[in-house]
Amino acid sequence: MKIHRLRWFVFALGLSITIAGCNKNNPAEKSLTIAVIPQGSTHEYWKSIHAGAMKAVQDLSQTGTHVNIIWKGPLREDDREQQTQVVEGFISQGVQGIVLAPFDSHALVRPVEEAAQAGIPTVVVDSGLESQKVVSFISTDNKKGGALAADRMGELLHGKGKVLLLRYQEGSASTEAREQGFVEQIKKGYPGIELISSNQYAGPTRDTAKRASENLLTRYAEQVQGIFTPNESSTAGMLLALQDIQKAGKVVFVGFDSSETFIEAMRNKQLQGIVVQDPFRMGELGVKTIVDHLQGKSVDKRVDTGATMVTPENMDTPEAQRVLRPPLAKYLGGL
């Protein structure tokens, strides 16, 4: 009797070890550590990407895939060196994958390709990278977004007028594509609109954008009828500069990205439209895509998350509200 029980115990023990071994090799049961690296840490835009990434973590946990997100980015959006150091730091830590919003389309190529050589794949979100070593690129069609802004400008100016373009910063692929889309669409579709300045840059923050805006408005305030700015910080800086000289609402102003300040400005007729991306979805798809890749599933090389022209007229519609107010508190809590 004792021998029979001993044999059964040995059999049961062997079976449990076999099952444990199978679970260990099952990627669906494995805990993955994914680094999510934004361009900066302060703008609402990056918080939306963070919230989307956390939604992906919750969704994946319900399917048995456990993911740990490490969120880390530079304090300033123009700090190429610090963002490079963040990527290199995660390589040395041995994370399983990286989701990266590169500030510079060239400067981040080397660390991303070094990560690939170390067996750490990267999904790029928001802004492009000049490398064939990325698993997938998930972003807005930024050129199309710039064209949407040009069409809004052309509509409100009835195809005639003088317009300023305040660019963001050299090296940023996403904003350069928006600027290109805006300029090309204005020239193609609205020959009666003159771009009286399109070679000035806002810089990385709201404060640098405000100073650049003040310089432009000092020179062109009496002749400009329309203004386009291609991201959150440049739009915020220009809005402040226009408010300071009581020009807000007196020129057609179209911006890019969303914030509560911009929503209020649209209600006050100081901002006539913003092209709104879906950074929440970028963060969500970024994490889910890198996990799919790590689990051996095929993924799309390019994913367009869409852009919406939000105006004072449509801002309260369900479609506009979805992109204007992503559920940050739900997924970030007190972070």
Protein backbone atom coordinates (compact mmCIF):
# COMPACT_ATOMS: atom_id res chain seq x y z
CA MET A 1 0.00 0.00 0.00
CA LYS A 2 2.81 2.40 0.93
CA ILE A 3 4.66 1.56 -2.31
CA HIS A 4 1.50 2.28 -4.34
CA ARG A 5 1.09 5.67 -2.65
CA LEU A 6 4.75 6.49 -3.23
CA ARG A 7 4.44 5.68 -6.94
CA TRP A 8 1.31 7.88 -7.21
CA PHE A 9 3.11 10.74 -5.42
CA VAL A 10 6.07 10.53 -7.80
CA PHE A 11 3.72 10.46 -10.82
CA ALA A 12 1.72 13.48 -9.56
CA LEU A 13 4.91 15.40 -8.83
CA GLY A 14 6.25 14.71 -12.31
CA LEU A 15 2.96 15.79 -13.87
CA SER A 16 2.95 19.08 -11.95
CA ILE A 17 6.52 19.82 -12.99
CA THR A 18 5.63 19.13 -16.63
CA ILE A 19 2.60 21.47 -16.48
CA ALA A 20 4.67 24.17 -14.77
CA GLY A 21 7.32 23.81 -17.46
CA CYS A 22 4.72 24.17 -20.22
CA ASN A 23 3.29 27.30 -18.60
CA LYS A 24 6.75 28.76 -18.26
CA ASN A 25 7.30 28.42 -22.00
CA ASN A 26 3.85 29.76 -22.89
CA PRO A 27 4.27 33.44 -23.83
CA ALA A 28 0.66 34.14 -22.87
CA GLU A 29 1.59 33.26 -19.25
CA LYS A 30 4.90 35.15 -19.21
CA SER A 31 5.21 38.54 -17.57
CA LEU A 32 6.68 41.04 -20.04
CA THR A 33 8.43 44.29 -19.18
CA ILE A 34 7.91 46.97 -21.82
CA ALA A 35 9.57 50.40 -21.80
CA VAL A 36 7.37 53.23 -23.10
CA ILE A 37 9.43 56.30 -23.97
CA PRO A 38 7.66 59.57 -24.90
CA GLN A 39 9.30 62.67 -26.35
CA GLY A 40 8.54 64.59 -23.17
CA SER A 41 6.72 64.35 -19.87
CA THR A 42 4.64 67.50 -19.44
CA HIS A 43 2.17 67.92 -22.32
CA GLU A 44 -1.34 66.46 -22.16
CA TYR A 45 -0.54 64.65 -25.40
CA TRP A 46 2.05 62.40 -23.75
CA LYS A 47 -0.24 61.75 -20.79
CA SER A 48 -2.81 60.46 -23.28
CA ILE A 49 -0.25 58.03 -24.74
CA HIS A 50 0.58 56.90 -21.19
CA ALA A 51 -3.11 56.32 -20.41
CA GLY A 52 -3.57 54.32 -23.61
CA ALA A 53 -0.58 52.16 -22.71
CA MET A 54 -2.10 51.45 -19.31
CA LYS A 55 -5.42 50.48 -20.93
CA ALA A 56 -3.50 47.96 -23.03
CA VAL A 57 -1.98 46.51 -19.85
CA GLN A 58 -5.44 46.05 -18.34
CA ASP A 59 -6.87 44.52 -21.52
CA LEU A 60 -3.96 42.12 -21.92
CA SER A 61 -4.14 40.98 -18.29
CA GLN A 62 -7.69 39.79 -18.94
CA THR A 63 -6.35 37.45 -21.63
CA GLY A 64 -3.64 36.02 -19.36
CA THR A 65 -0.75 38.17 -20.63
CA HIS A 66 0.85 40.12 -17.81
CA VAL A 67 2.71 43.27 -18.84
CA ASN A 68 4.73 45.68 -16.73
CA ILE A 69 5.05 49.17 -18.20
CA ILE A 70 8.04 51.37 -17.37
CA TRP A 71 7.22 54.93 -18.45
CA LYS A 72 10.19 57.26 -18.79
CA GLY A 73 11.02 60.20 -21.04
CA PRO A 74 13.08 63.38 -21.11
CA LEU A 75 11.78 66.47 -19.33
CA ARG A 76 12.22 68.63 -22.44
CA GLU A 77 10.96 67.56 -25.83
CA ASP A 78 14.10 68.77 -27.60
CA ASP A 79 16.54 66.76 -25.48
CA ARG A 80 17.84 64.26 -28.03
CA GLU A 81 20.74 63.26 -25.79
CA GLN A 82 18.56 62.45 -22.80
CA GLN A 83 16.06 60.46 -24.88
CA THR A 84 18.99 58.51 -26.36
CA GLN A 85 20.27 57.81 -22.84
CA VAL A 86 16.83 56.58 -21.77
CA VAL A 87 16.77 54.07 -24.64
CA GLU A 88 20.32 52.92 -23.87
CA GLY A 89 19.43 52.54 -20.19
CA PHE A 90 16.54 50.24 -21.01
CA ILE A 91 18.78 48.12 -23.24
CA SER A 92 21.14 47.57 -20.31
CA GLN A 93 18.17 46.74 -18.05
CA GLY A 94 17.11 44.03 -20.49
CA VAL A 95 13.48 44.95 -21.07
CA GLN A 96 11.63 42.68 -23.50
CA GLY A 97 10.44 45.48 -25.81
CA ILE A 98 10.31 49.23 -26.37
CA VAL A 99 7.52 51.57 -27.47
CA LEU A 100 9.19 54.82 -28.56
CA ALA A 101 8.03 58.25 -29.68
CA PRO A 102 11.33 59.54 -31.11
CA PHE A 103 11.94 63.27 -30.98
CA ASP A 104 14.41 63.14 -33.84
CA SER A 105 13.98 60.92 -36.90
CA HIS A 106 17.75 60.37 -37.20
CA ALA A 107 19.30 60.80 -33.73
CA LEU A 108 17.41 57.83 -32.25
CA VAL A 109 18.30 55.42 -35.08
CA ARG A 110 21.54 54.16 -33.52
CA PRO A 111 20.11 53.26 -30.07
CA VAL A 112 17.03 51.61 -31.63
CA GLU A 113 19.22 49.50 -33.93
CA GLU A 114 21.47 48.62 -30.97
CA ALA A 115 18.35 47.48 -29.12
CA ALA A 116 17.41 45.28 -32.09
CA GLN A 117 20.87 43.71 -32.07
CA ALA A 118 20.40 42.97 -28.37
CA GLY A 119 17.12 41.19 -29.15
CA ILE A 120 14.90 44.02 -27.94
CA PRO A 121 12.36 45.03 -30.62
CA THR A 122 10.91 48.55 -30.92
CA VAL A 123 7.51 49.83 -31.99
CA VAL A 124 7.60 53.51 -32.97
CA VAL A 125 4.60 55.73 -32.26
CA ASP A 126 3.70 59.34 -33.08
CA SER A 127 6.77 60.41 -35.06
CA GLY A 128 8.79 58.50 -37.64
CA LEU A 129 12.28 57.03 -37.44
CA GLU A 130 14.59 56.51 -40.43
CA SER A 131 15.28 52.86 -39.71
CA GLN A 132 14.20 49.51 -41.13
CA LYS A 133 14.72 47.87 -37.74
CA VAL A 134 11.40 48.95 -36.20
CA VAL A 135 8.61 46.40 -35.85
CA SER A 136 5.77 48.82 -36.62
CA PHE A 137 5.05 52.54 -36.95
CA ILE A 138 1.79 53.72 -35.36
CA SER A 139 0.79 57.35 -35.82
CA THR A 140 -1.38 59.95 -37.44
CA ASP A 141 -1.02 60.52 -41.17
CA ASN A 142 0.63 63.83 -40.31
CA LYS A 143 0.79 65.17 -43.84
CA LYS A 144 -2.95 64.60 -44.15
CA GLY A 145 -3.42 66.37 -40.81
CA GLY A 146 -1.61 69.42 -42.14
CA ALA A 147 -3.81 69.37 -45.24
CA LEU A 148 -6.91 69.30 -43.01
CA ALA A 149 -5.67 72.48 -41.32
CA ALA A 150 -5.08 74.12 -44.71
CA ASP A 151 -8.63 73.29 -45.82
CA ARG A 152 -10.05 74.78 -42.63
CA MET A 153 -7.96 77.91 -43.18
CA GLY A 154 -9.01 78.18 -46.82
CA GLU A 155 -12.67 77.74 -45.92
CA LEU A 156 -12.67 80.46 -43.25
CA LEU A 157 -10.65 82.93 -45.35
CA HIS A 158 -12.79 82.19 -48.42
CA GLY A 159 -9.60 81.37 -50.32
CA LYS A 160 -7.94 84.78 -49.87
CA GLY A 161 -5.62 86.34 -47.31
CA LYS A 162 -2.19 86.44 -45.74
CA VAL A 163 -1.18 83.58 -43.48
CA LEU A 164 1.64 82.77 -41.05
CA LEU A 165 3.00 79.29 -40.39
CA LEU A 166 4.97 79.01 -37.15
CA ARG A 167 6.88 75.74 -37.40
CA TYR A 168 7.72 73.58 -34.38
CA GLN A 169 11.34 72.37 -34.41
CA GLU A 170 13.82 71.00 -36.92
CA GLY A 171 14.28 67.22 -36.89
CA SER A 172 10.78 66.34 -35.67
CA ALA A 173 9.38 64.12 -38.42
CA SER A 174 5.73 64.36 -37.34
CA THR A 175 5.53 68.15 -37.27
CA GLU A 176 7.62 68.53 -40.42
CA ALA A 177 5.06 66.34 -42.22
CA ARG A 178 2.20 68.50 -40.90
CA GLU A 179 3.94 71.66 -42.02
CA GLN A 180 4.61 70.16 -45.44
CA GLY A 181 0.99 69.04 -45.77
CA PHE A 182 -0.27 72.49 -44.84
CA VAL A 183 2.02 74.36 -47.24
CA GLU A 184 1.37 72.00 -50.16
CA GLN A 185 -2.41 72.11 -49.71
CA ILE A 186 -2.47 75.90 -49.43
CA LYS A 187 -0.44 76.26 -52.63
CA LYS A 188 -2.45 73.61 -54.45
CA GLY A 189 -5.98 74.48 -53.37
CA TYR A 190 -5.91 78.14 -52.39
CA PRO A 191 -3.82 80.25 -54.79
CA GLY A 192 -5.38 83.39 -53.33
CA ILE A 193 -3.74 82.75 -49.94
CA GLU A 194 -0.20 84.08 -49.45
CA LEU A 195 2.17 82.54 -46.94
CA ILE A 196 3.94 85.65 -45.68
CA SER A 197 6.13 83.73 -43.21
CA SER A 198 6.84 80.01 -43.04
CA ASN A 199 10.46 79.73 -41.91
CA GLN A 200 10.29 80.53 -38.18
CA TYR A 201 10.41 77.92 -35.40
CA ALA A 202 8.58 77.86 -32.07
CA GLY A 203 11.04 75.68 -30.15
CA PRO A 204 10.22 72.92 -27.67
CA THR A 205 8.08 74.63 -25.02
CA ARG A 206 5.11 76.93 -24.63
CA ASP A 207 7.45 79.69 -23.42
CA THR A 208 9.80 79.47 -26.41
CA ALA A 209 6.75 79.36 -28.68
CA LYS A 210 5.30 82.47 -27.05
CA ARG A 211 8.53 84.40 -27.63
CA ALA A 212 8.70 83.29 -31.26
CA SER A 213 5.03 84.20 -31.71
CA GLU A 214 5.57 87.65 -30.23
CA ASN A 215 8.40 88.27 -32.67
CA LEU A 216 6.24 87.24 -35.63
CA LEU A 217 3.25 89.26 -34.47
CA THR A 218 5.41 92.33 -33.92
CA ARG A 219 6.38 92.15 -37.56
CA TYR A 220 3.14 90.98 -39.18
CA ALA A 221 0.24 91.76 -36.81
CA GLU A 222 -1.22 94.49 -39.02
CA GLN A 223 -1.35 92.38 -42.18
CA VAL A 224 -1.93 88.77 -41.11
CA GLN A 225 -5.39 87.22 -41.48
CA GLY A 226 -4.59 83.60 -40.60
CA ILE A 227 -2.14 81.55 -38.48
CA PHE A 228 -1.33 77.83 -38.33
CA THR A 229 0.70 76.12 -35.60
CA PRO A 230 1.55 72.39 -35.86
CA ASN A 231 1.57 71.02 -32.28
CA GLU A 232 0.39 71.58 -28.70
CA SER A 233 3.19 73.80 -27.44
CA SER A 234 3.36 76.03 -30.53
CA THR A 235 -0.43 76.45 -30.46
CA ALA A 236 -0.37 77.32 -26.73
CA GLY A 237 2.42 79.86 -27.18
CA MET A 238 0.73 81.56 -30.13
CA LEU A 239 -2.60 81.71 -28.28
CA LEU A 240 -0.96 83.46 -25.32
CA ALA A 241 0.80 85.94 -27.62
CA LEU A 242 -2.45 86.75 -29.46
CA GLN A 243 -4.29 87.22 -26.16
CA ASP A 244 -1.59 89.58 -24.89
CA ILE A 245 -2.09 91.97 -27.81
CA GLN A 246 -5.88 91.55 -27.96
CA LYS A 247 -5.67 89.85 -31.36
CA ALA A 248 -7.16 86.52 -30.24
CA GLY A 249 -10.38 86.04 -32.21
CA LYS A 250 -9.49 88.75 -34.71
CA VAL A 251 -7.44 86.45 -36.96
CA VAL A 252 -8.24 82.95 -38.15
CA PHE A 253 -6.20 80.65 -35.94
CA VAL A 254 -5.92 76.90 -36.57
CA GLY A 255 -3.78 74.71 -34.31
CA PHE A 256 -2.86 71.10 -33.69
CA ASP A 257 -3.48 68.79 -30.70
CA SER A 258 -5.80 69.28 -27.75
CA SER A 259 -5.90 70.72 -24.26
CA GLU A 260 -8.54 72.20 -21.94
CA THR A 261 -7.09 75.63 -22.75
CA PHE A 262 -7.76 75.09 -26.46
CA ILE A 263 -11.30 73.88 -25.80
CA GLU A 264 -11.99 77.04 -23.80
CA ALA A 265 -10.40 79.17 -26.53
CA MET A 266 -12.68 77.59 -29.13
CA ARG A 267 -15.73 78.34 -26.99
CA ASN A 268 -14.53 81.95 -26.80
CA LYS A 269 -14.01 82.07 -30.60
CA GLN A 270 -10.27 82.68 -30.14
CA LEU A 271 -9.31 79.45 -31.90
CA GLN A 272 -11.17 78.41 -35.03
CA GLY A 273 -10.08 74.79 -35.20
CA ILE A 274 -7.60 72.19 -33.99
CA VAL A 275 -6.49 69.04 -35.75
CA VAL A 276 -6.78 66.41 -33.03
CA GLN A 277 -4.89 63.14 -33.13
CA ASP A 278 -5.63 60.01 -31.11
CA PRO A 279 -2.61 59.62 -28.82
CA PHE A 280 -4.62 57.44 -26.44
CA ARG A 281 -5.06 54.90 -29.23
CA MET A 282 -1.37 55.22 -30.19
CA GLY A 283 -0.33 54.24 -26.67
CA GLU A 284 -2.81 51.39 -26.55
CA LEU A 285 -1.87 49.98 -29.96
CA GLY A 286 1.84 50.54 -29.33
CA VAL A 287 1.83 48.23 -26.32
CA LYS A 288 -0.52 45.65 -27.85
CA THR A 289 1.56 45.55 -31.05
CA ILE A 290 4.88 44.99 -29.31
CA VAL A 291 3.29 42.23 -27.20
CA ASP A 292 1.82 40.57 -30.32
CA HIS A 293 5.26 40.67 -31.93
CA LEU A 294 6.93 39.17 -28.86
CA GLN A 295 4.34 36.38 -28.89
CA GLY A 296 5.18 35.56 -32.51
CA LYS A 297 2.08 37.06 -34.10
CA SER A 298 2.20 39.04 -37.35
CA VAL A 299 1.73 42.81 -37.02
CA ASP A 300 1.04 45.62 -39.47
CA LYS A 301 4.13 47.58 -40.46
CA ARG A 302 2.18 50.86 -40.61
CA VAL A 303 -0.97 51.86 -38.69
CA ASP A 304 -2.79 55.19 -39.18
CA THR A 305 -4.66 56.18 -36.01
CA GLY A 306 -6.54 59.01 -37.75
CA ALA A 307 -7.01 62.75 -37.27
CA THR A 308 -10.13 64.82 -36.63
CA MET A 309 -10.72 68.50 -37.40
CA VAL A 310 -12.44 69.82 -34.28
CA THR A 311 -14.12 73.22 -34.58
CA PRO A 312 -16.32 75.40 -32.36
CA GLU A 313 -19.26 74.03 -34.36
CA ASN A 314 -18.62 70.29 -33.85
CA MET A 315 -16.66 70.20 -30.59
CA ASP A 316 -19.56 68.84 -28.52
CA THR A 317 -20.29 65.88 -30.80
CA PRO A 318 -19.48 62.37 -29.46
CA GLU A 319 -16.73 61.89 -32.07
CA ALA A 320 -15.00 65.13 -31.08
CA GLN A 321 -15.39 64.52 -27.35
CA ARG A 322 -13.79 61.08 -27.66
CA VAL A 323 -10.52 62.57 -28.92
CA LEU A 324 -10.72 65.81 -26.93
CA ARG A 325 -11.15 64.14 -23.55
CA PRO A 326 -9.48 60.72 -23.39
CA PRO A 327 -10.00 58.94 -20.02
CA LEU A 328 -6.71 59.94 -18.39
CA ALA A 329 -7.90 59.72 -14.77
CA LYS A 330 -9.37 56.25 -15.32
CA TYR A 331 -6.03 54.77 -16.36
CA LEU A 332 -3.46 57.03 -14.73
CA GLY A 333 -5.20 57.78 -11.44
CA GLY A 334 -2.84 59.77 -9.27
CA LEU A 335 0.21 59.23 -11.51
